Each structure stands twice: as C-alpha cells, then as structure tokens.
C-alpha cells in the first residue's frame, strides 16, 4: 500500500508506527541514507515490529528514480523478500541491490551502531 497522505509529513522514525497501524509488516523505501545509519529509526522499527526493505539505486546521486526500474528490481527479488519476512521473528533490514538481497536483523545493526 502507498503511505497514507497524512503520514507524508512525518519524520522517518515515525513511519514504522504508521506501518504498524496500517497492518504492514515492512516499509519499502529508496531512502538508503536514513535507513542505514539512524539509531532512532532502528529503534522505531524494533518497537513497531516492522521491517524495512531498502532499494539501492544504481547511482546514489539520483534524486527521482524511475518507478518502472524500481518495480522491476522489487519483482525480481520478491520471492526472497517474502520468504525472509515470513520467516522473521524480529525486525529486518533488507537491502535490495541489482543482483542480490542482503538481510540483517535490525537489533544486530543497532547493537553494532551503538558499540
């Protein structure tokens, strides 16, 4: 589902709670900067019991990615994404690249970030 209109003005660390209230198990984003380093975001994902699926763009300077390209990337890896989310007993960060999906428990990323 698309993020509700009222949530578009929220900060990134408020989005996991929106996902939870909407019944979503994961948030799909191409905002790799915040979703790879923000402690408050990791904590919010864990508290809401929501995962994040982050699409890595081929060029980090791209501001407006091509939606067809992003959709194709998600579809290519969708079986793996679904399997990882279904088998999860905790919040995950799934980083989707062209050729693979890297899955990490958010609690582990948070622990490493705080170390």
N, C-alpha and C. Protein backbone atom coordinates (compact mmCIF):
# COMPACT_ATOMS: atom_id res chain seq x y z
N UNK A 1 0.83 -1.19 0.00
CA UNK A 1 0.00 0.00 0.00
C UNK A 1 0.87 1.25 0.00
N UNK A 2 0.33 2.29 -0.52
CA UNK A 2 1.02 3.58 -0.52
C UNK A 2 0.85 4.19 0.86
N UNK A 3 1.87 4.90 1.31
CA UNK A 3 1.82 5.57 2.60
C UNK A 3 0.61 6.51 2.65
N UNK A 4 -0.14 6.49 3.74
CA UNK A 4 -1.31 7.38 3.84
C UNK A 4 -0.91 8.85 3.70
N UNK A 5 -1.78 9.62 3.10
CA UNK A 5 -1.50 11.03 2.84
C UNK A 5 -1.07 11.78 4.10
N UNK A 6 -1.74 11.52 5.21
CA UNK A 6 -1.43 12.26 6.45
C UNK A 6 -0.03 11.95 6.97
N UNK A 7 0.56 10.83 6.58
CA UNK A 7 1.87 10.43 7.09
C UNK A 7 3.02 10.98 6.27
N UNK A 8 2.74 11.61 5.17
CA UNK A 8 3.81 12.10 4.30
C UNK A 8 4.62 13.22 4.92
N UNK A 9 4.09 13.86 5.92
CA UNK A 9 4.83 14.94 6.57
C UNK A 9 5.59 14.44 7.80
N UNK A 10 5.47 13.17 8.12
CA UNK A 10 6.12 12.60 9.30
C UNK A 10 7.62 12.44 9.09
N UNK A 11 8.36 12.42 10.19
CA UNK A 11 9.78 12.10 10.14
C UNK A 11 9.95 10.62 9.90
N UNK A 12 11.13 10.23 9.38
CA UNK A 12 11.38 8.82 9.06
C UNK A 12 11.15 7.89 10.24
N UNK A 13 11.54 8.31 11.44
CA UNK A 13 11.41 7.43 12.59
C UNK A 13 9.97 7.28 13.07
N UNK A 14 9.03 8.03 12.50
CA UNK A 14 7.61 7.88 12.81
C UNK A 14 6.92 6.90 11.85
N UNK A 15 7.56 6.61 10.74
CA UNK A 15 6.93 5.77 9.71
C UNK A 15 6.70 4.32 10.13
N UNK A 16 7.60 3.69 10.91
CA UNK A 16 7.30 2.32 11.34
C UNK A 16 5.99 2.21 12.11
N UNK A 17 5.67 3.20 12.93
CA UNK A 17 4.41 3.17 13.67
C UNK A 17 3.22 3.31 12.71
N UNK A 18 3.38 4.12 11.67
CA UNK A 18 2.33 4.25 10.66
C UNK A 18 2.13 2.90 9.97
N UNK A 19 3.23 2.24 9.63
CA UNK A 19 3.14 0.92 9.00
C UNK A 19 2.39 -0.05 9.90
N UNK A 20 2.74 -0.05 11.18
CA UNK A 20 2.09 -0.94 12.14
C UNK A 20 0.59 -0.66 12.20
N UNK A 21 0.21 0.62 12.26
CA UNK A 21 -1.21 0.96 12.35
C UNK A 21 -1.97 0.60 11.07
N UNK A 22 -1.26 0.55 9.95
CA UNK A 22 -1.87 0.19 8.67
C UNK A 22 -1.85 -1.32 8.43
N UNK A 23 -1.24 -2.07 9.35
CA UNK A 23 -1.17 -3.52 9.21
C UNK A 23 -0.07 -4.01 8.29
N UNK A 24 0.90 -3.15 7.99
CA UNK A 24 2.01 -3.52 7.11
C UNK A 24 3.13 -4.12 7.94
N UNK A 25 3.81 -5.12 7.40
CA UNK A 25 4.93 -5.75 8.10
C UNK A 25 6.27 -5.14 7.69
N UNK A 26 6.27 -4.38 6.60
CA UNK A 26 7.52 -3.80 6.12
C UNK A 26 7.25 -2.47 5.41
N UNK A 27 8.27 -1.66 5.43
CA UNK A 27 8.26 -0.37 4.76
C UNK A 27 9.24 -0.46 3.59
N UNK A 28 8.77 -0.16 2.40
CA UNK A 28 9.60 -0.19 1.20
C UNK A 28 10.04 1.24 0.89
N UNK A 29 11.35 1.45 0.76
CA UNK A 29 11.87 2.80 0.55
C UNK A 29 13.13 2.76 -0.32
N UNK A 30 13.44 3.88 -0.92
CA UNK A 30 14.73 4.01 -1.61
C UNK A 30 15.60 5.03 -0.87
N UNK A 31 15.23 5.35 0.37
CA UNK A 31 15.96 6.29 1.20
C UNK A 31 17.03 5.54 1.98
N UNK A 32 18.09 5.15 1.31
CA UNK A 32 19.11 4.31 1.94
C UNK A 32 19.93 5.05 2.98
N UNK A 33 20.01 6.36 2.89
CA UNK A 33 20.85 7.11 3.83
C UNK A 33 20.32 6.99 5.25
N UNK A 34 19.05 7.33 5.46
CA UNK A 34 18.49 7.25 6.81
C UNK A 34 18.33 5.82 7.28
N UNK A 35 18.03 4.92 6.37
CA UNK A 35 17.76 3.54 6.75
C UNK A 35 19.03 2.71 6.91
N UNK A 36 20.18 3.33 6.82
CA UNK A 36 21.40 2.56 7.03
C UNK A 36 22.20 3.05 8.22
N UNK A 37 21.81 4.16 8.83
CA UNK A 37 22.64 4.69 9.91
C UNK A 37 21.87 5.25 11.11
N UNK A 38 20.61 5.49 11.01
CA UNK A 38 19.88 6.20 12.06
C UNK A 38 19.47 5.30 13.22
N UNK A 39 20.02 5.56 14.38
CA UNK A 39 19.71 4.79 15.59
C UNK A 39 18.23 4.91 15.94
N UNK A 40 17.67 6.13 15.88
CA UNK A 40 16.26 6.31 16.24
C UNK A 40 15.35 5.56 15.29
N UNK A 41 15.73 5.46 14.04
CA UNK A 41 14.95 4.72 13.07
C UNK A 41 15.00 3.22 13.37
N UNK A 42 16.17 2.71 13.69
CA UNK A 42 16.30 1.30 14.08
C UNK A 42 15.42 1.01 15.29
N UNK A 43 15.46 1.88 16.29
CA UNK A 43 14.66 1.68 17.49
C UNK A 43 13.17 1.69 17.16
N UNK A 44 12.77 2.59 16.28
CA UNK A 44 11.36 2.68 15.89
C UNK A 44 10.91 1.42 15.15
N UNK A 45 11.77 0.88 14.29
CA UNK A 45 11.43 -0.36 13.58
C UNK A 45 11.23 -1.50 14.57
N UNK A 46 12.12 -1.61 15.55
CA UNK A 46 12.03 -2.67 16.55
C UNK A 46 10.76 -2.50 17.39
N UNK A 47 10.49 -1.28 17.86
CA UNK A 47 9.32 -1.03 18.69
C UNK A 47 8.01 -1.33 17.95
N UNK A 48 7.96 -1.02 16.67
CA UNK A 48 6.75 -1.26 15.89
C UNK A 48 6.68 -2.68 15.33
N UNK A 49 7.76 -3.44 15.49
CA UNK A 49 7.86 -4.79 14.93
C UNK A 49 7.61 -4.75 13.41
N UNK A 50 8.29 -3.81 12.76
CA UNK A 50 8.18 -3.60 11.32
C UNK A 50 9.59 -3.71 10.73
N UNK A 51 9.66 -4.24 9.53
CA UNK A 51 10.94 -4.35 8.81
C UNK A 51 11.03 -3.25 7.76
N UNK A 52 12.22 -3.07 7.22
CA UNK A 52 12.42 -2.10 6.15
C UNK A 52 13.07 -2.80 4.96
N UNK A 53 12.55 -2.54 3.78
CA UNK A 53 13.11 -3.04 2.54
C UNK A 53 13.64 -1.81 1.81
N UNK A 54 14.96 -1.73 1.69
CA UNK A 54 15.60 -0.55 1.13
C UNK A 54 16.16 -0.87 -0.25
N UNK A 55 15.71 -0.13 -1.25
CA UNK A 55 16.18 -0.31 -2.61
C UNK A 55 17.41 0.55 -2.84
N UNK A 56 18.49 -0.08 -3.22
CA UNK A 56 19.71 0.65 -3.55
C UNK A 56 19.63 1.07 -5.01
N UNK A 57 19.81 2.35 -5.24
CA UNK A 57 19.78 2.89 -6.60
C UNK A 57 21.13 2.67 -7.27
N UNK A 58 21.16 2.55 -8.59
CA UNK A 58 22.43 2.33 -9.27
C UNK A 58 23.36 3.54 -9.17
N UNK A 59 22.78 4.70 -8.99
CA UNK A 59 23.56 5.93 -8.88
C UNK A 59 23.07 6.67 -7.65
N UNK A 60 23.90 6.82 -6.65
CA UNK A 60 23.48 7.45 -5.39
C UNK A 60 23.09 8.92 -5.55
N UNK A 61 23.43 9.54 -6.66
CA UNK A 61 23.08 10.93 -6.90
C UNK A 61 21.70 11.08 -7.55
N UNK A 62 21.05 9.97 -7.85
CA UNK A 62 19.72 10.02 -8.46
C UNK A 62 18.71 10.49 -7.42
N UNK A 63 18.00 11.56 -7.74
CA UNK A 63 17.01 12.07 -6.80
C UNK A 63 15.62 11.54 -7.09
N UNK A 64 15.28 11.36 -8.33
CA UNK A 64 13.96 10.85 -8.70
C UNK A 64 14.14 9.58 -9.52
N UNK A 65 14.13 8.44 -8.85
CA UNK A 65 14.36 7.19 -9.57
C UNK A 65 13.18 6.85 -10.48
N UNK A 66 13.48 6.10 -11.50
CA UNK A 66 12.48 5.63 -12.44
C UNK A 66 11.63 4.55 -11.77
N UNK A 67 10.32 4.77 -11.69
CA UNK A 67 9.44 3.84 -10.98
C UNK A 67 9.38 2.47 -11.65
N UNK A 68 9.46 2.41 -12.96
CA UNK A 68 9.47 1.12 -13.64
C UNK A 68 10.71 0.33 -13.27
N UNK A 69 11.83 1.02 -13.19
CA UNK A 69 13.09 0.36 -12.83
C UNK A 69 13.01 -0.18 -11.41
N UNK A 70 12.48 0.64 -10.47
CA UNK A 70 12.35 0.20 -9.08
C UNK A 70 11.40 -0.98 -8.96
N UNK A 71 10.29 -0.93 -9.68
CA UNK A 71 9.33 -2.03 -9.64
C UNK A 71 9.94 -3.31 -10.16
N UNK A 72 10.69 -3.23 -11.23
CA UNK A 72 11.35 -4.42 -11.78
C UNK A 72 12.33 -5.01 -10.78
N UNK A 73 13.05 -4.16 -10.07
CA UNK A 73 14.01 -4.65 -9.08
C UNK A 73 13.29 -5.37 -7.94
N UNK A 74 12.21 -4.81 -7.46
CA UNK A 74 11.45 -5.46 -6.38
C UNK A 74 10.89 -6.79 -6.87
N UNK A 75 10.30 -6.81 -8.04
CA UNK A 75 9.70 -8.04 -8.56
C UNK A 75 10.73 -9.15 -8.74
N UNK A 76 11.91 -8.79 -9.18
CA UNK A 76 12.98 -9.78 -9.38
C UNK A 76 13.32 -10.50 -8.08
N UNK A 77 13.31 -9.78 -6.98
CA UNK A 77 13.72 -10.34 -5.70
C UNK A 77 12.54 -10.63 -4.76
N UNK A 78 11.32 -10.47 -5.25
CA UNK A 78 10.15 -10.61 -4.40
C UNK A 78 10.06 -11.95 -3.67
N UNK A 79 10.32 -13.08 -4.32
CA UNK A 79 10.24 -14.35 -3.57
C UNK A 79 11.18 -14.38 -2.36
N UNK A 80 12.39 -13.89 -2.52
CA UNK A 80 13.35 -13.85 -1.41
C UNK A 80 12.88 -12.89 -0.32
N UNK A 81 12.39 -11.73 -0.71
CA UNK A 81 11.92 -10.74 0.25
C UNK A 81 10.77 -11.32 1.07
N UNK A 82 9.80 -11.91 0.40
CA UNK A 82 8.65 -12.50 1.09
C UNK A 82 9.10 -13.62 2.03
N UNK A 83 9.97 -14.49 1.56
CA UNK A 83 10.45 -15.61 2.38
C UNK A 83 11.14 -15.09 3.64
N UNK A 84 12.02 -14.10 3.49
CA UNK A 84 12.73 -13.56 4.65
C UNK A 84 11.78 -12.91 5.64
N UNK A 85 10.80 -12.16 5.14
CA UNK A 85 9.84 -11.51 6.02
C UNK A 85 8.94 -12.53 6.72
N UNK A 86 8.50 -13.55 6.01
CA UNK A 86 7.65 -14.59 6.61
C UNK A 86 8.39 -15.38 7.68
N UNK A 87 9.68 -15.61 7.49
CA UNK A 87 10.46 -16.40 8.43
C UNK A 87 11.03 -15.58 9.58
N UNK A 88 10.83 -14.29 9.56
CA UNK A 88 11.43 -13.41 10.57
C UNK A 88 10.68 -13.48 11.89
N UNK A 89 11.45 -13.48 12.96
CA UNK A 89 10.86 -13.37 14.29
C UNK A 89 11.25 -12.04 14.93
N UNK A 90 11.79 -11.14 14.10
CA UNK A 90 12.18 -9.81 14.55
C UNK A 90 12.24 -8.87 13.34
N UNK A 91 12.42 -7.60 13.60
CA UNK A 91 12.51 -6.61 12.52
C UNK A 91 13.79 -6.84 11.72
N UNK A 92 13.66 -6.72 10.40
CA UNK A 92 14.79 -6.91 9.50
C UNK A 92 15.03 -5.67 8.67
N UNK A 93 16.25 -5.52 8.21
CA UNK A 93 16.59 -4.53 7.19
C UNK A 93 17.04 -5.33 5.98
N UNK A 94 16.25 -5.28 4.91
CA UNK A 94 16.58 -5.97 3.67
C UNK A 94 17.05 -4.94 2.66
N UNK A 95 18.29 -5.05 2.24
CA UNK A 95 18.86 -4.12 1.27
C UNK A 95 18.86 -4.80 -0.09
N UNK A 96 18.10 -4.24 -1.03
CA UNK A 96 17.93 -4.83 -2.35
C UNK A 96 18.85 -4.15 -3.34
N UNK A 97 19.75 -4.94 -3.87
CA UNK A 97 20.65 -4.47 -4.92
C UNK A 97 20.23 -5.15 -6.22
N UNK A 98 20.87 -4.79 -7.30
CA UNK A 98 20.52 -5.35 -8.60
C UNK A 98 20.60 -6.88 -8.61
N UNK A 99 21.65 -7.42 -8.00
CA UNK A 99 21.90 -8.86 -8.11
C UNK A 99 21.63 -9.65 -6.84
N UNK A 100 21.28 -8.99 -5.73
CA UNK A 100 21.06 -9.75 -4.50
C UNK A 100 20.28 -8.95 -3.46
N UNK A 101 19.88 -9.67 -2.42
CA UNK A 101 19.23 -9.06 -1.27
C UNK A 101 20.06 -9.41 -0.04
N UNK A 102 20.42 -8.40 0.71
CA UNK A 102 21.17 -8.61 1.96
C UNK A 102 20.20 -8.39 3.10
N UNK A 103 20.12 -9.38 4.00
CA UNK A 103 19.18 -9.31 5.11
C UNK A 103 19.94 -9.26 6.43
N UNK A 104 19.58 -8.29 7.26
CA UNK A 104 20.20 -8.14 8.59
C UNK A 104 19.12 -7.91 9.63
N UNK A 105 19.24 -8.53 10.79
CA UNK A 105 18.33 -8.19 11.90
C UNK A 105 18.61 -6.76 12.36
N UNK A 106 17.56 -5.98 12.53
CA UNK A 106 17.73 -4.58 12.92
C UNK A 106 18.38 -4.50 14.30
N UNK A 107 18.05 -5.43 15.20
CA UNK A 107 18.64 -5.40 16.55
C UNK A 107 20.16 -5.54 16.49
N UNK A 108 20.64 -6.35 15.57
CA UNK A 108 22.10 -6.51 15.41
C UNK A 108 22.72 -5.23 14.85
N UNK A 109 22.08 -4.62 13.88
CA UNK A 109 22.57 -3.36 13.32
C UNK A 109 22.60 -2.26 14.38
N UNK A 110 21.56 -2.23 15.20
CA UNK A 110 21.50 -1.24 16.27
C UNK A 110 22.62 -1.47 17.28
N UNK A 111 22.82 -2.71 17.66
CA UNK A 111 23.88 -3.04 18.62
C UNK A 111 25.25 -2.62 18.06
N UNK A 112 25.50 -2.91 16.79
CA UNK A 112 26.76 -2.51 16.15
C UNK A 112 26.91 -1.00 16.07
N UNK A 113 25.82 -0.33 15.80
CA UNK A 113 25.85 1.13 15.67
C UNK A 113 26.15 1.81 17.00
N UNK A 114 25.65 1.20 18.09
CA UNK A 114 25.85 1.78 19.41
C UNK A 114 27.19 1.40 20.03
N UNK A 115 27.85 0.40 19.45
CA UNK A 115 29.13 -0.06 20.00
C UNK A 115 30.25 0.93 19.78
